[in-house]
Amino acid sequence: MAVAVIMEFNGATLEQYDQVIVKMGLTKEGPAPAGALSHWVAATDNGILVTDLWKSRELYDAFARDQIGPFSQEAGIPEPPKITYHDAHNYFTQGPET
């Protein structure tokens, strides 16, 4: 089942987020990592908010363990995110371009 993952990184900046994305080898509007369905990020009063949709929690957890955690530390993000999970009842995709 698809899972929505909400990550609240208190004290983080969008500049640090951009460093993490580069370390992951990802690009803005580029293809998502295997298992990821959607992703967006925004600045908040306290840091940054990242919202993802993954094919499964197991795929997200492996990605977080192998990439998000280590690269966030390397970028100087001060603490691990507060994470909230929600089972996705439904989601939409752009579908094939016509």
PDB file of N, CA and C in Angstrom:
ATOM      1  N   MET A   1       0.847  -1.182   0.000  1.00  0.00           N
ATOM      2  CA  MET A   1       0.000   0.000   0.000  1.00  0.00           C
ATOM      3  C   MET A   1       0.889   1.240   0.000  1.00  0.00           C
ATOM      4  N   ALA A   2       0.494   2.237  -0.789  1.00  0.00           N
ATOM      5  CA  ALA A   2       1.242   3.489  -0.836  1.00  0.00           C
ATOM      6  C   ALA A   2       1.150   4.195   0.517  1.00  0.00           C
ATOM      7  N   VAL A   3       2.223   4.903   0.838  1.00  0.00           N
ATOM      8  CA  VAL A   3       2.282   5.603   2.112  1.00  0.00           C
ATOM      9  C   VAL A   3       2.737   7.041   1.890  1.00  0.00           C
ATOM     10  N   ALA A   4       2.022   7.975   2.538  1.00  0.00           N
ATOM     11  CA  ALA A   4       2.433   9.370   2.558  1.00  0.00           C
ATOM     12  C   ALA A   4       3.382   9.547   3.730  1.00  0.00           C
ATOM     13  N   VAL A   5       4.476  10.267   3.486  1.00  0.00           N
ATOM     14  CA  VAL A   5       5.487  10.495   4.512  1.00  0.00           C
ATOM     15  C   VAL A   5       5.683  11.998   4.643  1.00  0.00           C
ATOM     16  N   ILE A   6       5.416  12.525   5.839  1.00  0.00           N
ATOM     17  CA  ILE A   6       5.593  13.948   6.105  1.00  0.00           C
ATOM     18  C   ILE A   6       6.781  14.096   7.043  1.00  0.00           C
ATOM     19  N   MET A   7       7.799  14.829   6.571  1.00  0.00           N
ATOM     20  CA  MET A   7       9.027  15.019   7.343  1.00  0.00           C
ATOM     21  C   MET A   7       9.182  16.493   7.695  1.00  0.00           C
ATOM     22  N   GLU A   8       9.275  16.786   8.981  1.00  0.00           N
ATOM     23  CA  GLU A   8       9.468  18.148   9.458  1.00  0.00           C
ATOM     24  C   GLU A   8      10.905  18.270   9.979  1.00  0.00           C
ATOM     25  N   PHE A   9      11.726  19.011   9.237  1.00  0.00           N
ATOM     26  CA  PHE A   9      13.127  19.210   9.601  1.00  0.00           C
ATOM     27  C   PHE A   9      13.260  20.567  10.287  1.00  0.00           C
ATOM     28  N   ASN A  10      13.169  20.589  11.611  1.00  0.00           N
ATOM     29  CA  ASN A  10      13.330  21.838  12.350  1.00  0.00           C
ATOM     30  C   ASN A  10      14.771  22.312  12.274  1.00  0.00           C
ATOM     31  N   GLY A  11      14.947  23.599  12.004  1.00  0.00           N
ATOM     32  CA  GLY A  11      16.272  24.193  11.942  1.00  0.00           C
ATOM     33  C   GLY A  11      16.977  24.006  10.610  1.00  0.00           C
ATOM     34  N   ALA A  12      16.365  23.311   9.663  1.00  0.00           N
ATOM     35  CA  ALA A  12      16.980  23.093   8.350  1.00  0.00           C
ATOM     36  C   ALA A  12      16.623  24.235   7.407  1.00  0.00           C
ATOM     37  N   THR A  13      17.446  24.402   6.369  1.00  0.00           N
ATOM     38  CA  THR A  13      17.202  25.437   5.368  1.00  0.00           C
ATOM     39  C   THR A  13      17.008  24.800   3.996  1.00  0.00           C
ATOM     40  N   LEU A  14      16.428  25.569   3.079  1.00  0.00           N
ATOM     41  CA  LEU A  14      16.291  25.082   1.710  1.00  0.00           C
ATOM     42  C   LEU A  14      17.661  24.898   1.058  1.00  0.00           C
ATOM     43  N   GLU A  15      18.640  25.681   1.466  1.00  0.00           N
ATOM     44  CA  GLU A  15      19.992  25.513   0.938  1.00  0.00           C
ATOM     45  C   GLU A  15      20.564  24.155   1.352  1.00  0.00           C
ATOM     46  N   GLN A  16      20.345  23.763   2.597  1.00  0.00           N
ATOM     47  CA  GLN A  16      20.787  22.443   3.049  1.00  0.00           C
ATOM     48  C   GLN A  16      20.036  21.342   2.306  1.00  0.00           C
ATOM     49  N   TYR A  17      18.743  21.528   2.117  1.00  0.00           N
ATOM     50  CA  TYR A  17      17.944  20.568   1.343  1.00  0.00           C
ATOM     51  C   TYR A  17      18.550  20.402  -0.052  1.00  0.00           C
ATOM     52  N   ASP A  18      18.877  21.519  -0.718  1.00  0.00           N
ATOM     53  CA  ASP A  18      19.462  21.450  -2.059  1.00  0.00           C
ATOM     54  C   ASP A  18      20.775  20.671  -2.050  1.00  0.00           C
ATOM     55  N   GLN A  19      21.570  20.823  -0.993  1.00  0.00           N
ATOM     56  CA  GLN A  19      22.819  20.058  -0.876  1.00  0.00           C
ATOM     57  C   GLN A  19      22.528  18.561  -0.780  1.00  0.00           C
ATOM     58  N   VAL A  20      21.510  18.193  -0.011  1.00  0.00           N
ATOM     59  CA  VAL A  20      21.137  16.783   0.140  1.00  0.00           C
ATOM     60  C   VAL A  20      20.708  16.212  -1.205  1.00  0.00           C
ATOM     61  N   ILE A  21      19.905  16.956  -1.950  1.00  0.00           N
ATOM     62  CA  ILE A  21      19.429  16.492  -3.256  1.00  0.00           C
ATOM     63  C   ILE A  21      20.610  16.242  -4.199  1.00  0.00           C
ATOM     64  N   VAL A  22      21.577  17.135  -4.197  1.00  0.00           N
ATOM     65  CA  VAL A  22      22.768  16.954  -5.036  1.00  0.00           C
ATOM     66  C   VAL A  22      23.519  15.697  -4.611  1.00  0.00           C
ATOM     67  N   LYS A  23      23.699  15.500  -3.311  1.00  0.00           N
ATOM     68  CA  LYS A  23      24.404  14.311  -2.814  1.00  0.00           C
ATOM     69  C   LYS A  23      23.681  13.027  -3.228  1.00  0.00           C
ATOM     70  N   MET A  24      22.350  13.088  -3.339  1.00  0.00           N
ATOM     71  CA  MET A  24      21.565  11.925  -3.756  1.00  0.00           C
ATOM     72  C   MET A  24      21.616  11.694  -5.266  1.00  0.00           C
ATOM     73  N   GLY A  25      22.150  12.672  -5.992  1.00  0.00           N
ATOM     74  CA  GLY A  25      22.193  12.560  -7.444  1.00  0.00           C
ATOM     75  C   GLY A  25      20.861  12.873  -8.103  1.00  0.00           C
ATOM     76  N   LEU A  26      19.992  13.592  -7.389  1.00  0.00           N
ATOM     77  CA  LEU A  26      18.682  13.950  -7.916  1.00  0.00           C
ATOM     78  C   LEU A  26      18.712  15.368  -8.460  1.00  0.00           C
ATOM     79  N   THR A  27      17.777  15.687  -9.326  1.00  0.00           N
ATOM     80  CA  THR A  27      17.670  17.029  -9.887  1.00  0.00           C
ATOM     81  C   THR A  27      16.238  17.521  -9.730  1.00  0.00           C
ATOM     82  N   LYS A  28      16.080  18.844  -9.706  1.00  0.00           N
ATOM     83  CA  LYS A  28      14.736  19.419  -9.634  1.00  0.00           C
ATOM     84  C   LYS A  28      13.949  18.959 -10.845  1.00  0.00           C
ATOM     85  N   GLU A  29      12.740  18.521 -10.604  1.00  0.00           N
ATOM     86  CA  GLU A  29      11.824  18.046 -11.627  1.00  0.00           C
ATOM     87  C   GLU A  29      12.358  16.830 -12.384  1.00  0.00           C
ATOM     88  N   GLY A  30      13.419  16.203 -11.855  1.00  0.00           N
ATOM     89  CA  GLY A  30      13.978  15.015 -12.494  1.00  0.00           C
ATOM     90  C   GLY A  30      13.244  13.769 -12.061  1.00  0.00           C
ATOM     91  N   PRO A  31      13.694  12.625 -12.527  1.00  0.00           N
ATOM     92  CA  PRO A  31      13.041  11.382 -12.125  1.00  0.00           C
ATOM     93  C   PRO A  31      13.206  11.132 -10.627  1.00  0.00           C
ATOM     94  N   ALA A  32      12.208  10.502 -10.054  1.00  0.00           N
ATOM     95  CA  ALA A  32      12.202  10.195  -8.627  1.00  0.00           C
ATOM     96  C   ALA A  32      13.030   8.946  -8.355  1.00  0.00           C
ATOM     97  N   PRO A  33      13.498   8.779  -7.127  1.00  0.00           N
ATOM     98  CA  PRO A  33      14.180   7.535  -6.757  1.00  0.00           C
ATOM     99  C   PRO A  33      13.226   6.346  -6.901  1.00  0.00           C
ATOM    100  N   ALA A  34      13.774   5.171  -7.079  1.00  0.00           N
ATOM    101  CA  ALA A  34      12.953   3.961  -7.200  1.00  0.00           C
ATOM    102  C   ALA A  34      12.039   3.828  -5.990  1.00  0.00           C
ATOM    103  N   GLY A  35      10.752   3.690  -6.238  1.00  0.00           N
ATOM    104  CA  GLY A  35       9.773   3.523  -5.167  1.00  0.00           C
ATOM    105  C   GLY A  35       9.058   4.800  -4.771  1.00  0.00           C
ATOM    106  N   ALA A  36       9.612   5.956  -5.144  1.00  0.00           N
ATOM    107  CA  ALA A  36       8.982   7.230  -4.810  1.00  0.00           C
ATOM    108  C   ALA A  36       7.962   7.595  -5.885  1.00  0.00           C
ATOM    109  N   LEU A  37       6.803   8.079  -5.460  1.00  0.00           N
ATOM    110  CA  LEU A  37       5.739   8.454  -6.391  1.00  0.00           C
ATOM    111  C   LEU A  37       5.608   9.963  -6.551  1.00  0.00           C
ATOM    112  N   SER A  38       5.825  10.719  -5.465  1.00  0.00           N
ATOM    113  CA  SER A  38       5.775  12.180  -5.551  1.00  0.00           C
ATOM    114  C   SER A  38       6.577  12.773  -4.401  1.00  0.00           C
ATOM    115  N   HIS A  39       6.914  14.065  -4.566  1.00  0.00           N
ATOM    116  CA  HIS A  39       7.770  14.732  -3.591  1.00  0.00           C
ATOM    117  C   HIS A  39       7.597  16.236  -3.741  1.00  0.00           C
ATOM    118  N   TRP A  40       7.510  16.937  -2.616  1.00  0.00           N
ATOM    119  CA  TRP A  40       7.602  18.391  -2.632  1.00  0.00           C
ATOM    120  C   TRP A  40       8.176  18.874  -1.308  1.00  0.00           C
ATOM    121  N   VAL A  41       8.736  20.073  -1.335  1.00  0.00           N
ATOM    122  CA  VAL A  41       9.362  20.658  -0.155  1.00  0.00           C
ATOM    123  C   VAL A  41       8.988  22.136  -0.077  1.00  0.00           C
ATOM    124  N   ALA A  42       8.884  22.655   1.138  1.00  0.00           N
ATOM    125  CA  ALA A  42       8.595  24.069   1.354  1.00  0.00           C
ATOM    126  C   ALA A  42       9.276  24.530   2.634  1.00  0.00           C
ATOM    127  N   ALA A  43       9.639  25.810   2.654  1.00  0.00           N
ATOM    128  CA  ALA A  43      10.168  26.409   3.874  1.00  0.00           C
ATOM    129  C   ALA A  43       9.015  26.645   4.840  1.00  0.00           C
ATOM    130  N   THR A  44       9.301  26.501   6.135  1.00  0.00           N
ATOM    131  CA  THR A  44       8.326  26.800   7.184  1.00  0.00           C
ATOM    132  C   THR A  44       8.954  27.800   8.142  1.00  0.00           C
ATOM    133  N   ASP A  45       8.196  28.243   9.121  1.00  0.00           N
ATOM    134  CA  ASP A  45       8.735  29.158  10.126  1.00  0.00           C
ATOM    135  C   ASP A  45       9.844  28.501  10.942  1.00  0.00           C
ATOM    136  N   ASN A  46       9.822  27.151  11.031  1.00  0.00           N
ATOM    137  CA  ASN A  46      10.774  26.431  11.877  1.00  0.00           C
ATOM    138  C   ASN A  46      11.854  25.681  11.113  1.00  0.00           C
ATOM    139  N   GLY A  47      11.774  25.626   9.787  1.00  0.00           N
ATOM    140  CA  GLY A  47      12.745  24.853   9.011  1.00  0.00           C
ATOM    141  C   GLY A  47      12.191  24.527   7.640  1.00  0.00           C
ATOM    142  N   ILE A  48      12.117  23.227   7.325  1.00  0.00           N
ATOM    143  CA  ILE A  48      11.537  22.807   6.051  1.00  0.00           C
ATOM    144  C   ILE A  48      10.568  21.652   6.281  1.00  0.00           C
ATOM    145  N   LEU A  49       9.607  21.551   5.373  1.00  0.00           N
ATOM    146  CA  LEU A  49       8.618  20.479   5.381  1.00  0.00           C
ATOM    147  C   LEU A  49       8.765  19.728   4.068  1.00  0.00           C
ATOM    148  N   VAL A  50       8.963  18.419   4.159  1.00  0.00           N
ATOM    149  CA  VAL A  50       9.078  17.569   2.977  1.00  0.00           C
ATOM    150  C   VAL A  50       7.921  16.587   3.014  1.00  0.00           C
ATOM    151  N   THR A  51       7.200  16.480   1.906  1.00  0.00           N
ATOM    152  CA  THR A  51       6.084  15.551   1.817  1.00  0.00           C
ATOM    153  C   THR A  51       6.305  14.631   0.628  1.00  0.00           C
ATOM    154  N   ASP A  52       6.321  13.339   0.893  1.00  0.00           N
ATOM    155  CA  ASP A  52       6.550  12.321  -0.133  1.00  0.00           C
ATOM    156  C   ASP A  52       5.391  11.343  -0.174  1.00  0.00           C
ATOM    157  N   LEU A  53       5.273  10.679  -1.309  1.00  0.00           N
ATOM    158  CA  LEU A  53       4.389   9.532  -1.452  1.00  0.00           C
ATOM    159  C   LEU A  53       5.247   8.402  -2.003  1.00  0.00           C
ATOM    160  N   TRP A  54       5.261   7.263  -1.296  1.00  0.00           N
ATOM    161  CA  TRP A  54       6.086   6.112  -1.673  1.00  0.00           C
ATOM    162  C   TRP A  54       5.204   4.898  -1.936  1.00  0.00           C
ATOM    163  N   LYS A  55       5.690   3.989  -2.742  1.00  0.00           N
ATOM    164  CA  LYS A  55       4.948   2.762  -3.042  1.00  0.00           C
ATOM    165  C   LYS A  55       4.732   1.925  -1.793  1.00  0.00           C
ATOM    166  N   SER A  56       5.679   1.987  -0.841  1.00  0.00           N
ATOM    167  CA  SER A  56       5.529   1.265   0.421  1.00  0.00           C
ATOM    168  C   SER A  56       6.391   1.929   1.491  1.00  0.00           C
ATOM    169  N   ARG A  57       6.042   1.671   2.736  1.00  0.00           N
ATOM    170  CA  ARG A  57       6.844   2.205   3.841  1.00  0.00           C
ATOM    171  C   ARG A  57       8.234   1.558   3.857  1.00  0.00           C
ATOM    172  N   GLU A  58       8.312   0.291   3.480  1.00  0.00           N
ATOM    173  CA  GLU A  58       9.605  -0.399   3.466  1.00  0.00           C
ATOM    174  C   GLU A  58      10.576   0.260   2.487  1.00  0.00           C
ATOM    175  N   LEU A  59      10.074   0.645   1.309  1.00  0.00           N
ATOM    176  CA  LEU A  59      10.930   1.322   0.327  1.00  0.00           C
ATOM    177  C   LEU A  59      11.389   2.677   0.858  1.00  0.00           C
ATOM    178  N   TYR A  60      10.465   3.420   1.482  1.00  0.00           N
ATOM    179  CA  TYR A  60      10.851   4.703   2.069  1.00  0.00           C
ATOM    180  C   TYR A  60      11.871   4.509   3.186  1.00  0.00           C
ATOM    181  N   ASP A  61      11.603   3.574   4.093  1.00  0.00           N
ATOM    182  CA  ASP A  61      12.509   3.368   5.228  1.00  0.00           C
ATOM    183  C   ASP A  61      13.927   3.035   4.767  1.00  0.00           C
ATOM    184  N   ALA A  62      14.062   2.213   3.728  1.00  0.00           N
ATOM    185  CA  ALA A  62      15.386   1.868   3.208  1.00  0.00           C
ATOM    186  C   ALA A  62      16.059   3.100   2.619  1.00  0.00           C
ATOM    187  N   PHE A  63      15.326   3.903   1.875  1.00  0.00           N
ATOM    188  CA  PHE A  63      15.877   5.123   1.283  1.00  0.00           C
ATOM    189  C   PHE A  63      16.283   6.110   2.373  1.00  0.00           C
ATOM    190  N   ALA A  64      15.453   6.255   3.385  1.00  0.00           N
ATOM    191  CA  ALA A  64      15.761   7.165   4.491  1.00  0.00           C
ATOM    192  C   ALA A  64      17.022   6.717   5.221  1.00  0.00           C
ATOM    193  N   ARG A  65      17.127   5.424   5.478  1.00  0.00           N
ATOM    194  CA  ARG A  65      18.298   4.883   6.181  1.00  0.00           C
ATOM    195  C   ARG A  65      19.578   5.081   5.364  1.00  0.00           C
ATOM    196  N   ASP A  66      19.504   4.795   4.066  1.00  0.00           N
ATOM    197  CA  ASP A  66      20.703   4.798   3.229  1.00  0.00           C
ATOM    198  C   ASP A  66      21.075   6.172   2.689  1.00  0.00           C
ATOM    199  N   GLN A  67      20.087   7.066   2.539  1.00  0.00           N
ATOM    200  CA  GLN A  67      20.391   8.349   1.896  1.00  0.00           C
ATOM    201  C   GLN A  67      19.955   9.573   2.702  1.00  0.00           C
ATOM    202  N   ILE A  68      18.686   9.641   3.079  1.00  0.00           N
ATOM    203  CA  ILE A  68      18.215  10.857   3.758  1.00  0.00           C
ATOM    204  C   ILE A  68      18.991  11.115   5.041  1.00  0.00           C
ATOM    205  N   GLY A  69      19.108  10.116   5.897  1.00  0.00           N
ATOM    206  CA  GLY A  69      19.801  10.296   7.174  1.00  0.00           C
ATOM    207  C   GLY A  69      21.253  10.709   7.019  1.00  0.00           C
ATOM    208  N   PRO A  70      22.064   9.900   6.312  1.00  0.00           N
ATOM    209  CA  PRO A  70      23.486  10.249   6.189  1.00  0.00           C
ATOM    210  C   PRO A  70      23.727  11.582   5.477  1.00  0.00           C
ATOM    211  N   PHE A  71      23.004  11.838   4.383  1.00  0.00           N
ATOM    212  CA  PHE A  71      23.245  13.059   3.621  1.00  0.00           C
ATOM    213  C   PHE A  71      22.737  14.293   4.360  1.00  0.00           C
ATOM    214  N   SER A  72      21.676  14.152   5.145  1.00  0.00           N
ATOM    215  CA  SER A  72      21.199  15.271   5.961  1.00  0.00           C
ATOM    216  C   SER A  72      22.241  15.655   7.002  1.00  0.00           C
ATOM    217  N   GLN A  73      22.862  14.655   7.605  1.00  0.00           N
ATOM    218  CA  GLN A  73      23.932  14.933   8.582  1.00  0.00           C
ATOM    219  C   GLN A  73      25.111  15.619   7.908  1.00  0.00           C
ATOM    220  N   GLU A  74      25.509  15.127   6.734  1.00  0.00           N
ATOM    221  CA  GLU A  74      26.633  15.742   6.001  1.00  0.00           C
ATOM    222  C   GLU A  74      26.342  17.198   5.647  1.00  0.00           C
ATOM    223  N   ALA A  75      25.082  17.523   5.364  1.00  0.00           N
ATOM    224  CA  ALA A  75      24.710  18.888   4.990  1.00  0.00           C
ATOM    225  C   ALA A  75      24.553  19.797   6.213  1.00  0.00           C
ATOM    226  N   GLY A  76      24.699  19.235   7.415  1.00  0.00           N
ATOM    227  CA  GLY A  76      24.629  20.038   8.633  1.00  0.00           C
ATOM    228  C   GLY A  76      23.224  20.275   9.156  1.00  0.00           C
ATOM    229  N   ILE A  77      22.261  19.484   8.707  1.00  0.00           N
ATOM    230  CA  ILE A  77      20.906  19.608   9.257  1.00  0.00           C
ATOM    231  C   ILE A  77      20.974  19.165  10.715  1.00  0.00           C
ATOM    232  N   PRO A  78      20.504  20.019  11.632  1.00  0.00           N
ATOM    233  CA  PRO A  78      20.812  19.830  13.052  1.00  0.00           C
ATOM    234  C   PRO A  78      20.199  18.623  13.754  1.00  0.00           C
ATOM    235  N   GLU A  79      19.081  18.102  13.242  1.00  0.00           N
ATOM    236  CA  GLU A  79      18.461  16.974  13.935  1.00  0.00           C
ATOM    237  C   GLU A  79      17.642  16.161  12.942  1.00  0.00           C
ATOM    238  N   PRO A  80      17.375  14.907  13.261  1.00  0.00           N
ATOM    239  CA  PRO A  80      16.524  14.096  12.386  1.00  0.00           C
ATOM    240  C   PRO A  80      15.121  14.701  12.310  1.00  0.00           C
ATOM    241  N   PRO A  81      14.404  14.413  11.237  1.00  0.00           N
ATOM    242  CA  PRO A  81      13.071  14.990  11.107  1.00  0.00           C
ATOM    243  C   PRO A  81      12.050  14.309  12.017  1.00  0.00           C
ATOM    244  N   LYS A  82      11.009  15.054  12.319  1.00  0.00           N
ATOM    245  CA  LYS A  82       9.805  14.452  12.899  1.00  0.00           C
ATOM    246  C   LYS A  82       9.057  13.862  11.704  1.00  0.00           C
ATOM    247  N   ILE A  83       8.728  12.572  11.764  1.00  0.00           N
ATOM    248  CA  ILE A  83       8.111  11.891  10.633  1.00  0.00           C
ATOM    249  C   ILE A  83       6.711  11.425  11.006  1.00  0.00           C
ATOM    250  N   THR A  84       5.767  11.694  10.111  1.00  0.00           N
ATOM    251  CA  THR A  84       4.399  11.206  10.239  1.00  0.00           C
ATOM    252  C   THR A  84       4.076  10.379   9.004  1.00  0.00           C
ATOM    253  N   TYR A  85       3.494   9.204   9.208  1.00  0.00           N
ATOM    254  CA  TYR A  85       3.121   8.311   8.114  1.00  0.00           C
ATOM    255  C   TYR A  85       1.599   8.226   8.016  1.00  0.00           C
ATOM    256  N   HIS A  86       1.108   8.142   6.779  1.00  0.00           N
ATOM    257  CA  HIS A  86      -0.324   7.957   6.541  1.00  0.00           C
ATOM    258  C   HIS A  86      -0.488   6.978   5.383  1.00  0.00           C
ATOM    259  N   ASP A  87      -1.318   5.956   5.557  1.00  0.00           N
ATOM    260  CA  ASP A  87      -1.639   5.077   4.436  1.00  0.00           C
ATOM    261  C   ASP A  87      -2.443   5.886   3.424  1.00  0.00           C
ATOM    262  N   ALA A  88      -2.035   5.821   2.166  1.00  0.00           N
ATOM    263  CA  ALA A  88      -2.714   6.592   1.123  1.00  0.00           C
ATOM    264  C   ALA A  88      -3.920   5.808   0.614  1.00  0.00           C
ATOM    265  N   HIS A  89      -5.071   6.393   0.754  1.00  0.00           N
ATOM    266  CA  HIS A  89      -6.300   5.771   0.259  1.00  0.00           C
ATOM    267  C   HIS A  89      -6.347   5.836  -1.269  1.00  0.00           C
ATOM    268  N   ASN A  90      -5.873   6.946  -1.831  1.00  0.00           N
ATOM    269  CA  ASN A  90      -5.892   7.156  -3.271  1.00  0.00           C
ATOM    270  C   ASN A  90      -4.841   8.200  -3.616  1.00  0.00           C
ATOM    271  N   TYR A  91      -4.376   8.189  -4.841  1.00  0.00           N
ATOM    272  CA  TYR A  91      -3.496   9.247  -5.329  1.00  0.00           C
ATOM    273  C   TYR A  91      -3.620   9.303  -6.841  1.00  0.00           C
ATOM    274  N   PHE A  92      -3.272  10.452  -7.395  1.00  0.00           N
ATOM    275  CA  PHE A  92      -3.352  10.656  -8.827  1.00  0.00           C
ATOM    276  C   PHE A  92      -1.955  10.823  -9.397  1.00  0.00           C
ATOM    277  N   THR A  93      -1.790  10.421 -10.638  1.00  0.00           N
ATOM    278  CA  THR A  93      -0.554  10.665 -11.366  1.00  0.00           C
ATOM    279  C   THR A  93      -0.897  11.436 -12.617  1.00  0.00           C
ATOM    280  N   GLN A  94       0.113  12.039 -13.195  1.00  0.00           N
ATOM    281  CA  GLN A  94      -0.095  12.779 -14.428  1.00  0.00           C
ATOM    282  C   GLN A  94      -0.524  11.842 -15.548  1.00  0.00           C
ATOM    283  N   GLY A  95      -0.034  10.633 -15.509  1.00  0.00           N
ATOM    284  CA  GLY A  95      -0.337   9.677 -16.565  1.00  0.00           C
ATOM    285  C   GLY A  95       0.483   9.972 -17.805  1.00  0.00           C
ATOM    286  N   PRO A  96       0.298   9.185 -18.832  1.00  0.00           N
ATOM    287  CA  PRO A  96       1.086   9.402 -20.041  1.00  0.00           C
ATOM    288  C   PRO A  96       0.717  10.726 -20.709  1.00  0.00           C
ATOM    289  N   GLU A  97       1.725  11.375 -21.265  1.00  0.00           N
ATOM    290  CA  GLU A  97       1.466  12.631 -21.979  1.00  0.00           C
ATOM    291  C   GLU A  97       0.824  12.310 -23.314  1.00  0.00           C
ATOM    292  N   THR A  98      -0.126  13.153 -23.700  1.00  0.00           N
ATOM    293  CA  THR A  98      -0.809  12.922 -24.979  1.00  0.00           C
ATOM    294  C   THR A  98      -0.456  13.967 -25.993  1.00  0.00           C
TER     295      THR A  98
END
